[in-house]
Amino acid sequence: MSEKKKKKKDSQLLIRINGEERDQFVSLCDELDTSAAREIRKFIKTFIREHHNNDDDLT
C-alpha cells in the first residue's frame, strides 16, 4: 500500500464563473494534459496548506 492514503472524493463544489474564462481554463488544461478538476483540487489543497500550515491531517 502506498504511503499516501487517498481520500475518497465524495463531495462537489458548484461555482458560477464567466463562460469565456471557463472555456479558456478547460482548453488550457487540455493543452497541458491535465483536467480542470485536478487543477482546482490542487489549488484548494495548496490554499488550505498556506492558510492552515499547522494541520497535519492535510495531504
Protein backbone atom coordinates (compact mmCIF):
# COMPACT_ATOMS: atom_id res chain seq x y z
CA MET A 1 0.00 0.00 0.00
CA SER A 2 1.31 3.48 -0.80
CA GLU A 3 2.48 5.90 1.89
CA LYS A 4 -0.12 8.47 0.90
CA LYS A 5 -3.60 7.34 1.74
CA LYS A 6 -6.02 8.53 -0.92
CA LYS A 7 -9.15 10.15 0.39
CA LYS A 8 -12.41 9.32 -1.34
CA LYS A 9 -13.84 12.14 -3.40
CA ASP A 10 -17.38 12.28 -2.07
CA SER A 11 -18.38 15.95 -2.34
CA GLN A 12 -18.97 18.51 -5.03
CA LEU A 13 -18.43 22.25 -5.13
CA LEU A 14 -20.63 24.15 -7.53
CA ILE A 15 -19.32 27.55 -8.60
CA ARG A 16 -20.52 30.13 -11.08
CA ILE A 17 -17.89 31.61 -13.37
CA ASN A 18 -17.76 33.51 -16.61
CA GLY A 19 -18.31 31.12 -19.53
CA GLU A 20 -15.42 32.51 -21.56
CA GLU A 21 -13.00 32.11 -18.65
CA ARG A 22 -14.27 28.58 -18.05
CA ASP A 23 -13.70 27.66 -21.69
CA GLN A 24 -10.20 29.16 -21.66
CA PHE A 25 -9.35 27.32 -18.45
CA VAL A 26 -10.60 23.96 -19.75
CA SER A 27 -8.77 24.45 -23.06
CA LEU A 28 -5.53 25.32 -21.29
CA CYS A 29 -5.89 22.29 -19.03
CA ASP A 30 -6.35 20.11 -22.12
CA GLU A 31 -3.23 21.62 -23.70
CA LEU A 32 -1.29 20.88 -20.51
CA ASP A 33 -2.62 17.29 -20.40
CA THR A 34 -4.46 17.76 -17.13
CA SER A 35 -8.08 18.18 -16.11
CA ALA A 36 -9.85 21.24 -14.79
CA ALA A 37 -10.99 19.25 -11.75
CA ARG A 38 -7.44 18.14 -10.97
CA GLU A 39 -6.13 21.71 -11.14
CA ILE A 40 -8.94 23.05 -8.96
CA ARG A 41 -8.34 20.29 -6.39
CA LYS A 42 -4.62 21.15 -6.45
CA PHE A 43 -5.46 24.83 -5.90
CA ILE A 44 -7.75 24.02 -2.96
CA LYS A 45 -5.14 21.79 -1.28
CA THR A 46 -2.44 24.44 -1.71
CA PHE A 47 -4.73 27.19 -0.44
CA ILE A 48 -5.59 25.17 2.66
CA ARG A 49 -1.93 24.37 3.35
CA GLU A 50 -0.94 28.02 3.03
CA HIS A 51 -3.62 29.16 5.44
CA HIS A 52 -3.53 26.25 7.91
CA ASN A 53 0.12 25.23 7.94
CA ASN A 54 -0.15 23.55 11.37
CA ASP A 55 -2.76 20.97 10.34
CA ASP A 56 -1.04 17.58 9.90
CA ASP A 57 -4.15 15.85 8.51
CA LEU A 58 -3.97 17.66 5.17
CA THR A 59 -2.47 15.77 2.29
